[in-house]
PDB file of N, CA and C in Angstrom:
ATOM      1  N   MET A   1      -9.418  11.188   3.618  1.00  0.00           N
ATOM      2  CA  MET A   1      -8.049  10.813   4.321  1.00  0.00           C
ATOM      3  C   MET A   1      -7.638   9.613   3.493  1.00  0.00           C
ATOM      4  N   ARG A   2      -6.215   9.358   3.219  1.00  0.00           N
ATOM      5  CA  ARG A   2      -5.538   8.269   2.523  1.00  0.00           C
ATOM      6  C   ARG A   2      -5.118   7.259   3.353  1.00  0.00           C
ATOM      7  N   TYR A   3      -5.465   5.818   3.153  1.00  0.00           N
ATOM      8  CA  TYR A   3      -4.923   4.804   4.312  1.00  0.00           C
ATOM      9  C   TYR A   3      -4.125   3.962   3.404  1.00  0.00           C
ATOM     10  N   LEU A   4      -2.993   3.695   3.898  1.00  0.00           N
ATOM     11  CA  LEU A   4      -1.845   2.448   3.275  1.00  0.00           C
ATOM     12  C   LEU A   4      -2.128   1.205   4.220  1.00  0.00           C
ATOM     13  N   ILE A   5      -2.501   0.205   3.640  1.00  0.00           N
ATOM     14  CA  ILE A   5      -2.859  -1.189   4.331  1.00  0.00           C
ATOM     15  C   ILE A   5      -1.846  -2.413   3.939  1.00  0.00           C
ATOM     16  N   PRO A   6      -0.658  -2.529   4.291  1.00  0.00           N
ATOM     17  CA  PRO A   6      -0.077  -3.568   4.160  1.00  0.00           C
ATOM     18  C   PRO A   6      -0.524  -4.784   4.519  1.00  0.00           C
ATOM     19  N   THR A   7      -1.000  -5.581   3.498  1.00  0.00           N
ATOM     20  CA  THR A   7      -1.223  -6.868   4.040  1.00  0.00           C
ATOM     21  C   THR A   7      -0.869  -7.991   3.093  1.00  0.00           C
ATOM     22  N   PHE A   8      -1.604  -9.140   3.180  1.00  0.00           N
ATOM     23  CA  PHE A   8      -1.551 -10.184   2.035  1.00  0.00           C
ATOM     24  C   PHE A   8      -2.737 -10.615   1.038  1.00  0.00           C
ATOM     25  N   PRO A   9      -2.499 -11.476   0.241  1.00  0.00           N
ATOM     26  CA  PRO A   9      -3.579 -11.449  -0.742  1.00  0.00           C
ATOM     27  C   PRO A   9      -4.943 -11.979  -0.344  1.00  0.00           C
ATOM     28  N   SER A  10      -4.977 -12.686   0.708  1.00  0.00           N
ATOM     29  CA  SER A  10      -6.088 -13.444   1.325  1.00  0.00           C
ATOM     30  C   SER A  10      -6.515 -12.979   2.359  1.00  0.00           C
ATOM     31  N   ASP A  11      -6.230 -11.740   2.882  1.00  0.00           N
ATOM     32  CA  ASP A  11      -6.591 -11.302   4.272  1.00  0.00           C
ATOM     33  C   ASP A  11      -7.868 -10.457   4.186  1.00  0.00           C
ATOM     34  N   VAL A  12      -9.230 -11.355   4.164  1.00  0.00           N
ATOM     35  CA  VAL A  12     -10.262 -10.509   4.292  1.00  0.00           C
ATOM     36  C   VAL A  12     -10.565  -9.632   5.174  1.00  0.00           C
ATOM     37  N   HIS A  13      -9.984  -9.768   6.216  1.00  0.00           N
ATOM     38  CA  HIS A  13     -10.438  -8.666   7.390  1.00  0.00           C
ATOM     39  C   HIS A  13      -9.766  -7.131   6.617  1.00  0.00           C
ATOM     40  N   ALA A  14      -8.571  -7.226   5.999  1.00  0.00           N
ATOM     41  CA  ALA A  14      -7.887  -5.916   5.564  1.00  0.00           C
ATOM     42  C   ALA A  14      -8.863  -5.275   4.333  1.00  0.00           C
ATOM     43  N   VAL A  15      -9.452  -6.254   3.495  1.00  0.00           N
ATOM     44  CA  VAL A  15     -10.570  -5.872   2.696  1.00  0.00           C
ATOM     45  C   VAL A  15     -11.814  -5.217   3.330  1.00  0.00           C
ATOM     46  N   GLU A  16     -12.343  -6.008   4.008  1.00  0.00           N
ATOM     47  CA  GLU A  16     -13.508  -5.316   4.957  1.00  0.00           C
ATOM     48  C   GLU A  16     -13.135  -3.814   5.553  1.00  0.00           C
ATOM     49  N   VAL A  17     -12.020  -3.759   6.117  1.00  0.00           N
ATOM     50  CA  VAL A  17     -11.707  -2.435   6.611  1.00  0.00           C
ATOM     51  C   VAL A  17     -11.541  -1.533   5.537  1.00  0.00           C
ATOM     52  N   ALA A  18     -10.943  -1.810   4.270  1.00  0.00           N
ATOM     53  CA  ALA A  18     -10.748  -0.673   3.164  1.00  0.00           C
ATOM     54  C   ALA A  18     -12.230  -0.507   2.752  1.00  0.00           C
ATOM     55  N   LEU A  19     -13.038  -1.548   2.479  1.00  0.00           N
ATOM     56  CA  LEU A  19     -14.351  -1.173   2.165  1.00  0.00           C
ATOM     57  C   LEU A  19     -15.299  -0.247   3.115  1.00  0.00           C
ATOM     58  N   VAL A  20     -15.105  -0.446   4.419  1.00  0.00           N
ATOM     59  CA  VAL A  20     -15.681   0.629   5.489  1.00  0.00           C
ATOM     60  C   VAL A  20     -14.872   2.116   5.448  1.00  0.00           C
ATOM     61  N   LEU A  21     -13.720   2.016   5.129  1.00  0.00           N
ATOM     62  CA  LEU A  21     -12.999   3.313   4.972  1.00  0.00           C
ATOM     63  C   LEU A  21     -13.521   4.007   3.743  1.00  0.00           C
ATOM     64  N   GLU A  22     -13.653   3.282   2.802  1.00  0.00           N
ATOM     65  CA  GLU A  22     -14.231   3.837   1.409  1.00  0.00           C
ATOM     66  C   GLU A  22     -15.642   4.231   1.273  1.00  0.00           C
ATOM     67  N   ASP A  23     -16.373   3.551   2.148  1.00  0.00           N
ATOM     68  CA  ASP A  23     -17.929   3.867   2.530  1.00  0.00           C
ATOM     69  C   ASP A  23     -18.027   5.331   3.245  1.00  0.00           C
ATOM     70  N   ARG A  24     -16.815   5.407   3.929  1.00  0.00           N
ATOM     71  CA  ARG A  24     -17.002   6.664   4.667  1.00  0.00           C
ATOM     72  C   ARG A  24     -16.267   7.898   4.172  1.00  0.00           C
ATOM     73  N   GLY A  25     -15.966   7.614   2.917  1.00  0.00           N
ATOM     74  CA  GLY A  25     -15.257   8.690   2.211  1.00  0.00           C
ATOM     75  C   GLY A  25     -13.806   8.683   1.917  1.00  0.00           C
ATOM     76  N   HIS A  26     -13.238   7.792   2.499  1.00  0.00           N
ATOM     77  CA  HIS A  26     -11.450   7.879   2.468  1.00  0.00           C
ATOM     78  C   HIS A  26     -11.260   7.099   1.311  1.00  0.00           C
ATOM     79  N   GLU A  27     -10.083   6.892   1.237  1.00  0.00           N
ATOM     80  CA  GLU A  27      -9.333   6.125   0.250  1.00  0.00           C
ATOM     81  C   GLU A  27      -8.233   5.059   0.681  1.00  0.00           C
ATOM     82  N   ALA A  28      -8.721   3.874   0.557  1.00  0.00           N
ATOM     83  CA  ALA A  28      -7.716   2.684   1.104  1.00  0.00           C
ATOM     84  C   ALA A  28      -6.875   2.069  -0.114  1.00  0.00           C
ATOM     85  N   VAL A  29      -5.454   1.823   0.119  1.00  0.00           N
ATOM     86  CA  VAL A  29      -4.780   1.317  -0.675  1.00  0.00           C
ATOM     87  C   VAL A  29      -4.255  -0.143  -0.257  1.00  0.00           C
ATOM     88  N   LEU A  30      -4.696  -1.109  -0.604  1.00  0.00           N
ATOM     89  CA  LEU A  30      -4.047  -2.394  -0.220  1.00  0.00           C
ATOM     90  C   LEU A  30      -2.771  -2.847  -0.724  1.00  0.00           C
ATOM     91  N   TRP A  31      -1.956  -3.191  -0.151  1.00  0.00           N
ATOM     92  CA  TRP A  31      -0.367  -3.054  -0.562  1.00  0.00           C
ATOM     93  C   TRP A  31       0.074  -4.612  -0.041  1.00  0.00           C
ATOM     94  N   HIS A  32      -0.041  -5.735  -0.794  1.00  0.00           N
ATOM     95  CA  HIS A  32       0.488  -6.912  -0.575  1.00  0.00           C
ATOM     96  C   HIS A  32       1.912  -7.266  -0.558  1.00  0.00           C
ATOM     97  N   GLY A  33       2.489  -7.264   0.636  1.00  0.00           N
ATOM     98  CA  GLY A  33       4.067  -7.313   0.792  1.00  0.00           C
ATOM     99  C   GLY A  33       4.466  -8.658   0.338  1.00  0.00           C
ATOM    100  N   SER A  34       3.714  -9.346   0.396  1.00  0.00           N
ATOM    101  CA  SER A  34       4.096 -11.024  -0.155  1.00  0.00           C
ATOM    102  C   SER A  34       4.243 -10.929  -1.685  1.00  0.00           C
ATOM    103  N   ASP A  35       3.901  -9.917  -2.310  1.00  0.00           N
ATOM    104  CA  ASP A  35       4.038  -9.591  -3.599  1.00  0.00           C
ATOM    105  C   ASP A  35       5.495  -8.824  -3.978  1.00  0.00           C
ATOM    106  N   PHE A  36       5.998  -8.678  -3.075  1.00  0.00           N
ATOM    107  CA  PHE A  36       7.407  -7.871  -3.131  1.00  0.00           C
ATOM    108  C   PHE A  36       8.509  -8.606  -2.918  1.00  0.00           C
ATOM    109  N   PRO A  37       9.438  -8.728  -3.816  1.00  0.00           N
ATOM    110  CA  PRO A  37       9.596  -7.912  -5.265  1.00  0.00           C
ATOM    111  C   PRO A  37       9.263  -8.451  -6.404  1.00  0.00           C
ATOM    112  N   THR A  38       8.451  -9.792  -6.402  1.00  0.00           N
ATOM    113  CA  THR A  38       8.232 -10.253  -7.635  1.00  0.00           C
ATOM    114  C   THR A  38       7.104  -9.547  -8.511  1.00  0.00           C
ATOM    115  N   LEU A  39       6.068  -9.250  -8.123  1.00  0.00           N
ATOM    116  CA  LEU A  39       4.781  -8.648  -8.519  1.00  0.00           C
ATOM    117  C   LEU A  39       4.648  -6.881  -8.106  1.00  0.00           C
ATOM    118  N   HIS A  40       5.383  -6.607  -7.093  1.00  0.00           N
ATOM    119  CA  HIS A  40       5.106  -5.372  -6.579  1.00  0.00           C
ATOM    120  C   HIS A  40       6.556  -5.038  -6.387  1.00  0.00           C
ATOM    121  N   SER A  41       6.659  -3.450  -6.560  1.00  0.00           N
ATOM    122  CA  SER A  41       7.933  -2.969  -6.474  1.00  0.00           C
ATOM    123  C   SER A  41       7.797  -1.566  -5.635  1.00  0.00           C
ATOM    124  N   ALA A  42       8.834  -0.907  -5.155  1.00  0.00           N
ATOM    125  CA  ALA A  42       8.799   0.352  -4.574  1.00  0.00           C
ATOM    126  C   ALA A  42       9.811   1.154  -5.115  1.00  0.00           C
ATOM    127  N   SER A  43      10.037   2.473  -4.972  1.00  0.00           N
ATOM    128  CA  SER A  43      11.120   3.103  -5.781  1.00  0.00           C
ATOM    129  C   SER A  43      11.327   4.595  -4.812  1.00  0.00           C
ATOM    130  N   VAL A  44      12.051   5.096  -4.548  1.00  0.00           N
ATOM    131  CA  VAL A  44      12.467   6.354  -3.710  1.00  0.00           C
ATOM    132  C   VAL A  44      13.170   7.076  -4.635  1.00  0.00           C
ATOM    133  N   ASP A  45      12.990   8.344  -4.715  1.00  0.00           N
ATOM    134  CA  ASP A  45      13.748   9.477  -5.408  1.00  0.00           C
ATOM    135  C   ASP A  45      14.174  10.558  -4.787  1.00  0.00           C
ATOM    136  N   PHE A  46      15.656  10.837  -4.804  1.00  0.00           N
ATOM    137  CA  PHE A  46      16.009  11.861  -3.934  1.00  0.00           C
ATOM    138  C   PHE A  46      16.314  13.038  -4.771  1.00  0.00           C
ATOM    139  N   GLN A  47      15.714  14.111  -4.918  1.00  0.00           N
ATOM    140  CA  GLN A  47      16.064  14.888  -5.892  1.00  0.00           C
ATOM    141  C   GLN A  47      15.699  16.564  -5.449  1.00  0.00           C
ATOM    142  N   ASP A  48      16.821  17.296  -5.541  1.00  0.00           N
ATOM    143  CA  ASP A  48      16.689  18.819  -5.021  1.00  0.00           C
ATOM    144  C   ASP A  48      16.246  18.811  -3.567  1.00  0.00           C
ATOM    145  N   GLY A  49      16.855  18.208  -2.597  1.00  0.00           N
ATOM    146  CA  GLY A  49      16.808  17.908  -1.095  1.00  0.00           C
ATOM    147  C   GLY A  49      15.298  17.454  -0.776  1.00  0.00           C
ATOM    148  N   ALA A  50      14.602  16.971  -1.882  1.00  0.00           N
ATOM    149  CA  ALA A  50      13.034  16.237  -1.219  1.00  0.00           C
ATOM    150  C   ALA A  50      13.149  14.776  -1.833  1.00  0.00           C
ATOM    151  N   MET A  51      12.327  14.126  -1.090  1.00  0.00           N
ATOM    152  CA  MET A  51      12.240  12.736  -1.179  1.00  0.00           C
ATOM    153  C   MET A  51      10.752  12.477  -1.764  1.00  0.00           C
ATOM    154  N   ALA A  52      10.821  11.542  -2.786  1.00  0.00           N
ATOM    155  CA  ALA A  52       9.334  10.865  -3.176  1.00  0.00           C
ATOM    156  C   ALA A  52       9.725   9.591  -3.667  1.00  0.00           C
ATOM    157  N   TRP A  53       8.419   8.967  -2.984  1.00  0.00           N
ATOM    158  CA  TRP A  53       8.488   7.302  -3.341  1.00  0.00           C
ATOM    159  C   TRP A  53       7.176   6.883  -3.709  1.00  0.00           C
ATOM    160  N   GLU A  54       7.200   5.685  -4.628  1.00  0.00           N
ATOM    161  CA  GLU A  54       6.061   5.243  -5.355  1.00  0.00           C
ATOM    162  C   GLU A  54       6.049   3.625  -5.278  1.00  0.00           C
ATOM    163  N   LEU A  55       4.733   3.319  -5.065  1.00  0.00           N
ATOM    164  CA  LEU A  55       4.589   1.805  -5.143  1.00  0.00           C
ATOM    165  C   LEU A  55       3.915   1.525  -6.448  1.00  0.00           C
ATOM    166  N   THR A  56       4.330   0.486  -7.199  1.00  0.00           N
ATOM    167  CA  THR A  56       3.804  -0.191  -8.660  1.00  0.00           C
ATOM    168  C   THR A  56       3.336  -1.367  -8.261  1.00  0.00           C
ATOM    169  N   GLY A  57       2.693  -1.729  -9.439  1.00  0.00           N
ATOM    170  CA  GLY A  57       2.527  -3.378  -9.608  1.00  0.00           C
ATOM    171  C   GLY A  57       0.903  -3.628  -9.488  1.00  0.00           C
ATOM    172  N   LEU A  58       0.675  -4.707  -9.433  1.00  0.00           N
ATOM    173  CA  LEU A  58      -0.838  -5.071  -9.495  1.00  0.00           C
ATOM    174  C   LEU A  58      -1.876  -4.063  -8.718  1.00  0.00           C
ATOM    175  N   ASP A  59      -2.558  -3.384  -9.476  1.00  0.00           N
ATOM    176  CA  ASP A  59      -3.867  -2.349  -8.980  1.00  0.00           C
ATOM    177  C   ASP A  59      -3.127  -1.491  -8.172  1.00  0.00           C
ATOM    178  N   LEU A  60      -1.879  -1.034  -8.383  1.00  0.00           N
ATOM    179  CA  LEU A  60      -0.975   0.149  -7.506  1.00  0.00           C
ATOM    180  C   LEU A  60      -0.649   1.328  -8.574  1.00  0.00           C
ATOM    181  N   ASP A  61      -0.406   0.907  -9.764  1.00  0.00           N
ATOM    182  CA  ASP A  61       0.080   1.957 -10.619  1.00  0.00           C
ATOM    183  C   ASP A  61      -0.360   3.244 -10.321  1.00  0.00           C
ATOM    184  N   GLY A  62       0.412   4.288 -10.143  1.00  0.00           N
ATOM    185  CA  GLY A  62      -0.024   5.482 -10.125  1.00  0.00           C
ATOM    186  C   GLY A  62      -0.305   5.855  -8.850  1.00  0.00           C
ATOM    187  N   ILE A  63      -0.022   4.961  -7.780  1.00  0.00           N
ATOM    188  CA  ILE A  63      -0.435   5.334  -6.137  1.00  0.00           C
ATOM    189  C   ILE A  63       0.877   5.818  -5.736  1.00  0.00           C
ATOM    190  N   ARG A  64       0.652   7.327  -5.103  1.00  0.00           N
ATOM    191  CA  ARG A  64       2.063   7.886  -4.760  1.00  0.00           C
ATOM    192  C   ARG A  64       1.569   8.399  -3.342  1.00  0.00           C
ATOM    193  N   PRO A  65       2.488   8.138  -2.355  1.00  0.00           N
ATOM    194  CA  PRO A  65       2.061   8.912  -1.086  1.00  0.00           C
ATOM    195  C   PRO A  65       1.876  10.564  -1.345  1.00  0.00           C
ATOM    196  N   PRO A  66       1.373  11.300  -0.416  1.00  0.00           N
ATOM    197  CA  PRO A  66       1.592  10.605   1.333  1.00  0.00           C
ATOM    198  C   PRO A  66       0.175  10.030   1.510  1.00  0.00           C
ATOM    199  N   PHE A  67       0.397   9.319   2.325  1.00  0.00           N
ATOM    200  CA  PHE A  67      -0.882   8.770   3.023  1.00  0.00           C
ATOM    201  C   PHE A  67      -0.927   9.438   4.479  1.00  0.00           C
ATOM    202  N   ASP A  68      -2.346   9.763   4.992  1.00  0.00           N
ATOM    203  CA  ASP A  68      -2.540  10.044   6.227  1.00  0.00           C
ATOM    204  C   ASP A  68      -2.573   9.043   7.256  1.00  0.00           C
ATOM    205  N   GLY A  69      -2.499   7.536   7.184  1.00  0.00           N
ATOM    206  CA  GLY A  69      -2.185   6.890   7.907  1.00  0.00           C
ATOM    207  C   GLY A  69      -1.934   5.372   7.180  1.00  0.00           C
ATOM    208  N   VAL A  70      -1.324   4.755   8.123  1.00  0.00           N
ATOM    209  CA  VAL A  70      -0.908   3.224   7.598  1.00  0.00           C
ATOM    210  C   VAL A  70      -1.501   2.309   8.704  1.00  0.00           C
ATOM    211  N   TRP A  71      -2.025   1.032   8.336  1.00  0.00           N
ATOM    212  CA  TRP A  71      -2.848   0.200   9.171  1.00  0.00           C
ATOM    213  C   TRP A  71      -1.717  -1.139   8.994  1.00  0.00           C
ATOM    214  N   TYR A  72      -0.795  -1.374   9.720  1.00  0.00           N
ATOM    215  CA  TYR A  72       0.253  -2.110   9.620  1.00  0.00           C
ATOM    216  C   TYR A  72      -0.198  -3.472  10.240  1.00  0.00           C
ATOM    217  N   ARG A  73      -1.282  -4.136   9.518  1.00  0.00           N
ATOM    218  CA  ARG A  73      -1.510  -5.265   9.710  1.00  0.00           C
ATOM    219  C   ARG A  73      -1.010  -6.784   9.157  1.00  0.00           C
ATOM    220  N   ARG A  74      -0.430  -7.497   9.926  1.00  0.00           N
ATOM    221  CA  ARG A  74       0.064  -8.689   9.772  1.00  0.00           C
ATOM    222  C   ARG A  74       1.123  -8.682   8.588  1.00  0.00           C
ATOM    223  N   PRO A  75       1.904  -7.928   8.776  1.00  0.00           N
ATOM    224  CA  PRO A  75       2.799  -7.872   7.373  1.00  0.00           C
ATOM    225  C   PRO A  75       3.645  -9.063   7.074  1.00  0.00           C
ATOM    226  N   THR A  76       3.921  -9.335   5.968  1.00  0.00           N
ATOM    227  CA  THR A  76       4.467 -10.467   5.600  1.00  0.00           C
ATOM    228  C   THR A  76       5.888 -10.387   4.836  1.00  0.00           C
ATOM    229  N   PRO A  77       6.938 -11.407   4.924  1.00  0.00           N
ATOM    230  CA  PRO A  77       8.094 -11.335   4.441  1.00  0.00           C
ATOM    231  C   PRO A  77       8.073 -11.000   2.966  1.00  0.00           C
ATOM    232  N   PRO A  78       9.004 -10.570   2.371  1.00  0.00           N
ATOM    233  CA  PRO A  78       8.782 -10.888   1.000  1.00  0.00           C
ATOM    234  C   PRO A  78       9.330 -12.181   0.614  1.00  0.00           C
ATOM    235  N   VAL A  79       8.838 -12.645  -0.900  1.00  0.00           N
ATOM    236  CA  VAL A  79       9.305 -13.980  -1.306  1.00  0.00           C
ATOM    237  C   VAL A  79      10.424 -13.832  -2.420  1.00  0.00           C
ATOM    238  N   LEU A  80      11.558 -14.586  -2.045  1.00  0.00           N
ATOM    239  CA  LEU A  80      12.511 -14.267  -2.858  1.00  0.00           C
ATOM    240  C   LEU A  80      12.924 -15.567  -3.751  1.00  0.00           C
TER     241      LEU A  80
END
């Protein structure tokens, strides 16, 4: 299973959860909301009645949904 974990760079708890998930054979993707939109970006594409979205940035290039679950832990607002 694939999990998206929106978090912030110094969140050691999110890193630990990601490591445990990976030890159990799952994929965990950490997404730092505080790095959006300066270091990370997101895009949505609508084509032929289908929607696709992509996260890009540090350690995220090539990461595309779908995700089986999201652990929405301590989200942070974007820094503008």
